[in-house]
Amino acid sequence: MTGTIRTTTVNKINFEVWSDFSARGTFAKNTETGEVKQISSSGYISKDLTTRKAIAIVFNFPTFRK
């Protein structure tokens, strides 16, 4: 079961972000490439700044800015 899908922008790329309650984590999908990665395990991320920082780390971007 998944939570509400939110959108955010990191390094001028759009991402869809959602929480998966069965996997107990937060996931992000790059809307351009379709690549999905888990950005948080054993918990959920809801704040936009924290979400963008986690996406930048996992997807290897030089900045977390929009």
C-alpha atoms as a PDB file:
ATOM      1  CA  MET A   1       0.000   0.000   0.000  1.00  0.00           C
ATOM      2  CA  THR A   2       1.348   3.403  -0.948  1.00  0.00           C
ATOM      3  CA  GLY A   3       0.707   6.925   0.238  1.00  0.00           C
ATOM      4  CA  THR A   4      -0.104  10.035  -1.731  1.00  0.00           C
ATOM      5  CA  ILE A   5       2.189  10.774  -4.669  1.00  0.00           C
ATOM      6  CA  ARG A   6       3.876  14.175  -4.371  1.00  0.00           C
ATOM      7  CA  THR A   7       6.066  15.934  -6.923  1.00  0.00           C
ATOM      8  CA  THR A   8       9.270  17.862  -6.380  1.00  0.00           C
ATOM      9  CA  THR A   9      12.117  19.199  -8.491  1.00  0.00           C
ATOM     10  CA  VAL A  10      15.827  18.566  -7.923  1.00  0.00           C
ATOM     11  CA  ASN A  11      18.532  19.908 -10.211  1.00  0.00           C
ATOM     12  CA  LYS A  12      15.800  20.930 -12.730  1.00  0.00           C
ATOM     13  CA  ILE A  13      14.481  17.344 -12.954  1.00  0.00           C
ATOM     14  CA  ASN A  14      10.979  16.414 -11.775  1.00  0.00           C
ATOM     15  CA  PHE A  15      10.457  13.547  -9.357  1.00  0.00           C
ATOM     16  CA  GLU A  16       7.403  11.736  -8.016  1.00  0.00           C
ATOM     17  CA  VAL A  17       7.750  10.835  -4.324  1.00  0.00           C
ATOM     18  CA  TRP A  18       5.628   8.451  -2.272  1.00  0.00           C
ATOM     19  CA  SER A  19       5.740   6.382   0.906  1.00  0.00           C
ATOM     20  CA  ASP A  20       5.331   2.621   0.733  1.00  0.00           C
ATOM     21  CA  PHE A  21       3.858   1.291   3.955  1.00  0.00           C
ATOM     22  CA  SER A  22       4.597  -2.375   3.263  1.00  0.00           C
ATOM     23  CA  ALA A  23       8.290  -1.626   2.523  1.00  0.00           C
ATOM     24  CA  ARG A  24       8.401   0.993   5.331  1.00  0.00           C
ATOM     25  CA  GLY A  25      10.232   3.539   3.257  1.00  0.00           C
ATOM     26  CA  THR A  26      10.030   6.481   0.880  1.00  0.00           C
ATOM     27  CA  PHE A  27      10.615   6.126  -2.856  1.00  0.00           C
ATOM     28  CA  ALA A  28      11.340   8.590  -5.673  1.00  0.00           C
ATOM     29  CA  LYS A  29      10.807   8.205  -9.420  1.00  0.00           C
ATOM     30  CA  ASN A  30      12.628  10.279 -12.021  1.00  0.00           C
ATOM     31  CA  THR A  31       9.815  11.293 -14.390  1.00  0.00           C
ATOM     32  CA  GLU A  32      12.194  11.666 -17.365  1.00  0.00           C
ATOM     33  CA  THR A  33      13.886   8.258 -17.181  1.00  0.00           C
ATOM     34  CA  GLY A  34      11.394   6.276 -15.097  1.00  0.00           C
ATOM     35  CA  GLU A  35      14.137   5.214 -12.674  1.00  0.00           C
ATOM     36  CA  VAL A  36      12.820   4.423  -9.170  1.00  0.00           C
ATOM     37  CA  LYS A  37      15.022   4.388  -6.062  1.00  0.00           C
ATOM     38  CA  GLN A  38      14.374   4.126  -2.351  1.00  0.00           C
ATOM     39  CA  ILE A  39      15.414   7.384  -0.680  1.00  0.00           C
ATOM     40  CA  SER A  40      14.576   6.402   2.897  1.00  0.00           C
ATOM     41  CA  SER A  41      14.367   3.055   4.641  1.00  0.00           C
ATOM     42  CA  SER A  42      12.852   2.274   8.027  1.00  0.00           C
ATOM     43  CA  GLY A  43      10.930   5.536   7.975  1.00  0.00           C
ATOM     44  CA  TYR A  44       9.143   8.143   5.934  1.00  0.00           C
ATOM     45  CA  ILE A  45      10.152  11.581   4.666  1.00  0.00           C
ATOM     46  CA  SER A  46       7.530  14.310   4.405  1.00  0.00           C
ATOM     47  CA  LYS A  47       9.342  17.674   4.389  1.00  0.00           C
ATOM     48  CA  ASP A  48      10.228  19.017   0.942  1.00  0.00           C
ATOM     49  CA  LEU A  49      13.792  20.093   1.788  1.00  0.00           C
ATOM     50  CA  THR A  50      14.631  16.728   3.348  1.00  0.00           C
ATOM     51  CA  THR A  51      13.105  14.943   0.361  1.00  0.00           C
ATOM     52  CA  ARG A  52      15.173  16.972  -2.104  1.00  0.00           C
ATOM     53  CA  LYS A  53      18.384  16.354  -0.125  1.00  0.00           C
ATOM     54  CA  ALA A  54      17.727  12.590  -0.034  1.00  0.00           C
ATOM     55  CA  ILE A  55      17.010  12.510  -3.779  1.00  0.00           C
ATOM     56  CA  ALA A  56      20.229  14.419  -4.519  1.00  0.00           C
ATOM     57  CA  ILE A  57      22.253  11.927  -2.484  1.00  0.00           C
ATOM     58  CA  VAL A  58      20.658   8.769  -3.904  1.00  0.00           C
ATOM     59  CA  PHE A  59      20.592   9.932  -7.535  1.00  0.00           C
ATOM     60  CA  ASN A  60      24.129  11.459  -7.300  1.00  0.00           C
ATOM     61  CA  PHE A  61      23.286  15.090  -8.088  1.00  0.00           C
ATOM     62  CA  PRO A  62      25.761  17.865  -7.220  1.00  0.00           C
ATOM     63  CA  THR A  63      22.997  20.005  -5.642  1.00  0.00           C
ATOM     64  CA  PHE A  64      19.580  19.572  -4.058  1.00  0.00           C
ATOM     65  CA  ARG A  65      18.314  22.951  -5.320  1.00  0.00           C
ATOM     66  CA  LYS A  66      15.283  23.229  -7.535  1.00  0.00           C
END
